[in-house]
Amino acid sequence: MLNHLFALLGLVGLCALWIVFQMWLNKQDPAKPKFETKGCGCHTTKQKCVDNKTAK
């Protein structure tokens, strides 16, 4: 049972380190644009998304 506890604590520690690393990385390059999807995410251009059922 103690081995499971150590494994769980290790996983929690890795997740915490990953969050700290991501925060540090964001501070290193704040000019980098964030990942965004506009509309439906299907278009490579900034077209307006239209539902196929209403489009004729």
PDB file of N, CA and C in Angstrom:
ATOM      1  N   MET A   1       0.827  -1.198   0.000  1.00  0.00           N
ATOM      2  CA  MET A   1       0.000   0.000   0.000  1.00  0.00           C
ATOM      3  C   MET A   1       0.870   1.259   0.000  1.00  0.00           C
ATOM      4  N   LEU A   2       1.993   1.180   0.687  1.00  0.00           N
ATOM      5  CA  LEU A   2       2.887   2.330   0.756  1.00  0.00           C
ATOM      6  C   LEU A   2       3.496   2.641  -0.606  1.00  0.00           C
ATOM      7  N   ASN A   3       3.719   1.609  -1.425  1.00  0.00           N
ATOM      8  CA  ASN A   3       4.255   1.830  -2.773  1.00  0.00           C
ATOM      9  C   ASN A   3       3.266   2.613  -3.631  1.00  0.00           C
ATOM     10  N   HIS A   4       1.989   2.336  -3.477  1.00  0.00           N
ATOM     11  CA  HIS A   4       0.968   3.070  -4.224  1.00  0.00           C
ATOM     12  C   HIS A   4       0.945   4.536  -3.806  1.00  0.00           C
ATOM     13  N   LEU A   5       1.128   4.770  -2.523  1.00  0.00           N
ATOM     14  CA  LEU A   5       1.151   6.140  -2.020  1.00  0.00           C
ATOM     15  C   LEU A   5       2.337   6.902  -2.598  1.00  0.00           C
ATOM     16  N   PHE A   6       3.507   6.277  -2.655  1.00  0.00           N
ATOM     17  CA  PHE A   6       4.688   6.918  -3.234  1.00  0.00           C
ATOM     18  C   PHE A   6       4.484   7.192  -4.724  1.00  0.00           C
ATOM     19  N   ALA A   7       3.874   6.267  -5.425  1.00  0.00           N
ATOM     20  CA  ALA A   7       3.610   6.466  -6.849  1.00  0.00           C
ATOM     21  C   ALA A   7       2.636   7.624  -7.052  1.00  0.00           C
ATOM     22  N   LEU A   8       1.607   7.709  -6.240  1.00  0.00           N
ATOM     23  CA  LEU A   8       0.630   8.787  -6.334  1.00  0.00           C
ATOM     24  C   LEU A   8       1.273  10.132  -6.012  1.00  0.00           C
ATOM     25  N   LEU A   9       2.086  10.174  -4.980  1.00  0.00           N
ATOM     26  CA  LEU A   9       2.773  11.419  -4.641  1.00  0.00           C
ATOM     27  C   LEU A   9       3.748  11.835  -5.741  1.00  0.00           C
ATOM     28  N   GLY A  10       4.399  10.859  -6.353  1.00  0.00           N
ATOM     29  CA  GLY A  10       5.295  11.161  -7.464  1.00  0.00           C
ATOM     30  C   GLY A  10       4.546  11.753  -8.645  1.00  0.00           C
ATOM     31  N   LEU A  11       3.390  11.207  -8.961  1.00  0.00           N
ATOM     32  CA  LEU A  11       2.573  11.719 -10.058  1.00  0.00           C
ATOM     33  C   LEU A  11       2.075  13.129  -9.765  1.00  0.00           C
ATOM     34  N   VAL A  12       1.652  13.374  -8.549  1.00  0.00           N
ATOM     35  CA  VAL A  12       1.210  14.715  -8.158  1.00  0.00           C
ATOM     36  C   VAL A  12       2.378  15.691  -8.252  1.00  0.00           C
ATOM     37  N   GLY A  13       3.557  15.250  -7.834  1.00  0.00           N
ATOM     38  CA  GLY A  13       4.742  16.101  -7.928  1.00  0.00           C
ATOM     39  C   GLY A  13       5.097  16.436  -9.365  1.00  0.00           C
ATOM     40  N   LEU A  14       4.998  15.460 -10.256  1.00  0.00           N
ATOM     41  CA  LEU A  14       5.279  15.708 -11.669  1.00  0.00           C
ATOM     42  C   LEU A  14       4.286  16.693 -12.271  1.00  0.00           C
ATOM     43  N   CYS A  15       3.029  16.563 -11.903  1.00  0.00           N
ATOM     44  CA  CYS A  15       2.013  17.500 -12.400  1.00  0.00           C
ATOM     45  C   CYS A  15       2.295  18.916 -11.895  1.00  0.00           C
ATOM     46  N   ALA A  16       2.675  19.027 -10.647  1.00  0.00           N
ATOM     47  CA  ALA A  16       2.990  20.344 -10.088  1.00  0.00           C
ATOM     48  C   ALA A  16       4.200  20.948 -10.788  1.00  0.00           C
ATOM     49  N   LEU A  17       5.221  20.152 -11.048  1.00  0.00           N
ATOM     50  CA  LEU A  17       6.391  20.649 -11.768  1.00  0.00           C
ATOM     51  C   LEU A  17       6.042  21.070 -13.190  1.00  0.00           C
ATOM     52  N   TRP A  18       5.144  20.335 -13.829  1.00  0.00           N
ATOM     53  CA  TRP A  18       4.729  20.689 -15.181  1.00  0.00           C
ATOM     54  C   TRP A  18       4.019  22.043 -15.193  1.00  0.00           C
ATOM     55  N   ILE A  19       3.180  22.297 -14.211  1.00  0.00           N
ATOM     56  CA  ILE A  19       2.482  23.584 -14.115  1.00  0.00           C
ATOM     57  C   ILE A  19       3.475  24.712 -13.876  1.00  0.00           C
ATOM     58  N   VAL A  20       4.425  24.503 -12.990  1.00  0.00           N
ATOM     59  CA  VAL A  20       5.442  25.525 -12.719  1.00  0.00           C
ATOM     60  C   VAL A  20       6.273  25.778 -13.976  1.00  0.00           C
ATOM     61  N   PHE A  21       6.631  24.727 -14.699  1.00  0.00           N
ATOM     62  CA  PHE A  21       7.396  24.878 -15.932  1.00  0.00           C
ATOM     63  C   PHE A  21       6.613  25.671 -16.971  1.00  0.00           C
ATOM     64  N   GLN A  22       5.327  25.404 -17.124  1.00  0.00           N
ATOM     65  CA  GLN A  22       4.509  26.124 -18.086  1.00  0.00           C
ATOM     66  C   GLN A  22       4.384  27.606 -17.712  1.00  0.00           C
ATOM     67  N   MET A  23       4.268  27.910 -16.434  1.00  0.00           N
ATOM     68  CA  MET A  23       4.205  29.298 -15.991  1.00  0.00           C
ATOM     69  C   MET A  23       5.530  30.004 -16.262  1.00  0.00           C
ATOM     70  N   TRP A  24       6.648  29.317 -16.019  1.00  0.00           N
ATOM     71  CA  TRP A  24       7.962  29.882 -16.286  1.00  0.00           C
ATOM     72  C   TRP A  24       8.149  30.124 -17.783  1.00  0.00           C
ATOM     73  N   LEU A  25       7.734  29.166 -18.589  1.00  0.00           N
ATOM     74  CA  LEU A  25       7.864  29.283 -20.033  1.00  0.00           C
ATOM     75  C   LEU A  25       7.042  30.449 -20.566  1.00  0.00           C
ATOM     76  N   ASN A  26       5.869  30.672 -20.009  1.00  0.00           N
ATOM     77  CA  ASN A  26       5.026  31.792 -20.422  1.00  0.00           C
ATOM     78  C   ASN A  26       5.687  33.124 -20.085  1.00  0.00           C
ATOM     79  N   LYS A  27       6.405  33.192 -18.973  1.00  0.00           N
ATOM     80  CA  LYS A  27       7.091  34.429 -18.591  1.00  0.00           C
ATOM     81  C   LYS A  27       8.315  34.676 -19.467  1.00  0.00           C
ATOM     82  N   GLN A  28       8.931  33.640 -19.986  1.00  0.00           N
ATOM     83  CA  GLN A  28      10.125  33.796 -20.804  1.00  0.00           C
ATOM     84  C   GLN A  28       9.813  34.397 -22.163  1.00  0.00           C
ATOM     85  N   ASP A  29       8.674  34.095 -22.724  1.00  0.00           N
ATOM     86  CA  ASP A  29       8.294  34.599 -24.043  1.00  0.00           C
ATOM     87  C   ASP A  29       6.840  35.067 -24.016  1.00  0.00           C
ATOM     88  N   PRO A  30       6.574  36.206 -23.378  1.00  0.00           N
ATOM     89  CA  PRO A  30       5.187  36.667 -23.278  1.00  0.00           C
ATOM     90  C   PRO A  30       4.620  37.170 -24.602  1.00  0.00           C
ATOM     91  N   ALA A  31       5.489  37.465 -25.582  1.00  0.00           N
ATOM     92  CA  ALA A  31       5.001  37.967 -26.866  1.00  0.00           C
ATOM     93  C   ALA A  31       4.472  36.848 -27.746  1.00  0.00           C
ATOM     94  N   LYS A  32       4.756  35.614 -27.392  1.00  0.00           N
ATOM     95  CA  LYS A  32       4.274  34.498 -28.190  1.00  0.00           C
ATOM     96  C   LYS A  32       2.754  34.452 -28.096  1.00  0.00           C
ATOM     97  N   PRO A  33       2.079  34.400 -29.245  1.00  0.00           N
ATOM     98  CA  PRO A  33       0.616  34.384 -29.200  1.00  0.00           C
ATOM     99  C   PRO A  33       0.090  33.093 -28.577  1.00  0.00           C
ATOM    100  N   LYS A  34      -0.991  33.238 -27.889  1.00  0.00           N
ATOM    101  CA  LYS A  34      -1.637  32.075 -27.282  1.00  0.00           C
ATOM    102  C   LYS A  34      -2.380  31.283 -28.350  1.00  0.00           C
ATOM    103  N   PHE A  35      -2.608  30.027 -28.091  1.00  0.00           N
ATOM    104  CA  PHE A  35      -3.346  29.191 -29.018  1.00  0.00           C
ATOM    105  C   PHE A  35      -4.813  29.581 -28.968  1.00  0.00           C
ATOM    106  N   GLU A  36      -5.357  29.960 -30.108  1.00  0.00           N
ATOM    107  CA  GLU A  36      -6.765  30.348 -30.176  1.00  0.00           C
ATOM    108  C   GLU A  36      -7.399  29.722 -31.398  1.00  0.00           C
ATOM    109  N   THR A  37      -8.622  29.321 -31.245  1.00  0.00           N
ATOM    110  CA  THR A  37      -9.407  28.911 -32.402  1.00  0.00           C
ATOM    111  C   THR A  37     -10.588  29.848 -32.474  1.00  0.00           C
ATOM    112  N   LYS A  38     -10.788  30.401 -33.631  1.00  0.00           N
ATOM    113  CA  LYS A  38     -11.921  31.291 -33.821  1.00  0.00           C
ATOM    114  C   LYS A  38     -12.914  30.584 -34.707  1.00  0.00           C
ATOM    115  N   GLY A  39     -14.153  30.709 -34.401  1.00  0.00           N
ATOM    116  CA  GLY A  39     -15.185  30.052 -35.185  1.00  0.00           C
ATOM    117  C   GLY A  39     -15.199  28.565 -34.899  1.00  0.00           C
ATOM    118  N   CYS A  40     -15.315  27.781 -35.962  1.00  0.00           N
ATOM    119  CA  CYS A  40     -15.429  26.335 -35.784  1.00  0.00           C
ATOM    120  C   CYS A  40     -14.067  25.650 -35.771  1.00  0.00           C
ATOM    121  N   GLY A  41     -13.000  26.357 -36.184  1.00  0.00           N
ATOM    122  CA  GLY A  41     -11.677  25.778 -36.191  1.00  0.00           C
ATOM    123  C   GLY A  41     -11.376  24.964 -37.436  1.00  0.00           C
ATOM    124  N   CYS A  42     -12.263  25.000 -38.414  1.00  0.00           N
ATOM    125  CA  CYS A  42     -12.091  24.210 -39.633  1.00  0.00           C
ATOM    126  C   CYS A  42     -11.396  24.982 -40.745  1.00  0.00           C
ATOM    127  N   HIS A  43     -11.373  26.286 -40.654  1.00  0.00           N
ATOM    128  CA  HIS A  43     -10.868  27.102 -41.747  1.00  0.00           C
ATOM    129  C   HIS A  43      -9.449  27.572 -41.459  1.00  0.00           C
ATOM    130  N   THR A  44      -8.622  27.642 -42.494  1.00  0.00           N
ATOM    131  CA  THR A  44      -7.285  28.198 -42.325  1.00  0.00           C
ATOM    132  C   THR A  44      -7.313  29.707 -42.481  1.00  0.00           C
ATOM    133  N   THR A  45      -8.340  30.232 -43.113  1.00  0.00           N
ATOM    134  CA  THR A  45      -8.508  31.678 -43.236  1.00  0.00           C
ATOM    135  C   THR A  45      -9.559  32.129 -42.239  1.00  0.00           C
ATOM    136  N   LYS A  46      -9.751  33.411 -42.153  1.00  0.00           N
ATOM    137  CA  LYS A  46     -10.728  33.942 -41.193  1.00  0.00           C
ATOM    138  C   LYS A  46     -12.097  34.060 -41.844  1.00  0.00           C
ATOM    139  N   GLN A  47     -12.605  32.955 -42.339  1.00  0.00           N
ATOM    140  CA  GLN A  47     -13.928  32.935 -42.939  1.00  0.00           C
ATOM    141  C   GLN A  47     -14.974  32.824 -41.835  1.00  0.00           C
ATOM    142  N   LYS A  48     -16.158  33.286 -42.153  1.00  0.00           N
ATOM    143  CA  LYS A  48     -17.262  33.142 -41.212  1.00  0.00           C
ATOM    144  C   LYS A  48     -17.787  31.711 -41.305  1.00  0.00           C
ATOM    145  N   CYS A  49     -17.969  31.086 -40.165  1.00  0.00           N
ATOM    146  CA  CYS A  49     -18.471  29.715 -40.143  1.00  0.00           C
ATOM    147  C   CYS A  49     -19.971  29.724 -40.402  1.00  0.00           C
ATOM    148  N   VAL A  50     -20.390  28.871 -41.293  1.00  0.00           N
ATOM    149  CA  VAL A  50     -21.800  28.763 -41.648  1.00  0.00           C
ATOM    150  C   VAL A  50     -22.218  27.321 -41.447  1.00  0.00           C
ATOM    151  N   ASP A  51     -23.351  27.143 -40.810  1.00  0.00           N
ATOM    152  CA  ASP A  51     -23.885  25.810 -40.608  1.00  0.00           C
ATOM    153  C   ASP A  51     -24.292  25.239 -41.955  1.00  0.00           C
ATOM    154  N   ASN A  52     -23.890  24.003 -42.252  1.00  0.00           N
ATOM    155  CA  ASN A  52     -24.184  23.381 -43.550  1.00  0.00           C
ATOM    156  C   ASN A  52     -25.677  23.235 -43.806  1.00  0.00           C
ATOM    157  N   LYS A  53     -26.468  23.154 -42.763  1.00  0.00           N
ATOM    158  CA  LYS A  53     -27.900  22.984 -42.945  1.00  0.00           C
ATOM    159  C   LYS A  53     -28.550  24.273 -43.441  1.00  0.00           C
ATOM    160  N   THR A  54     -27.989  25.423 -43.025  1.00  0.00           N
ATOM    161  CA  THR A  54     -28.587  26.680 -43.442  1.00  0.00           C
ATOM    162  C   THR A  54     -27.926  27.228 -44.704  1.00  0.00           C
ATOM    163  N   ALA A  55     -26.754  26.724 -45.059  1.00  0.00           N
ATOM    164  CA  ALA A  55     -26.056  27.225 -46.256  1.00  0.00           C
ATOM    165  C   ALA A  55     -26.685  26.612 -47.514  1.00  0.00           C
ATOM    166  N   LYS A  56     -26.859  27.450 -48.525  1.00  0.00           N
ATOM    167  CA  LYS A  56     -27.442  26.981 -49.779  1.00  0.00           C
ATOM    168  C   LYS A  56     -26.565  27.334 -50.928  1.00  0.00           C
TER     169      LYS A  56
END
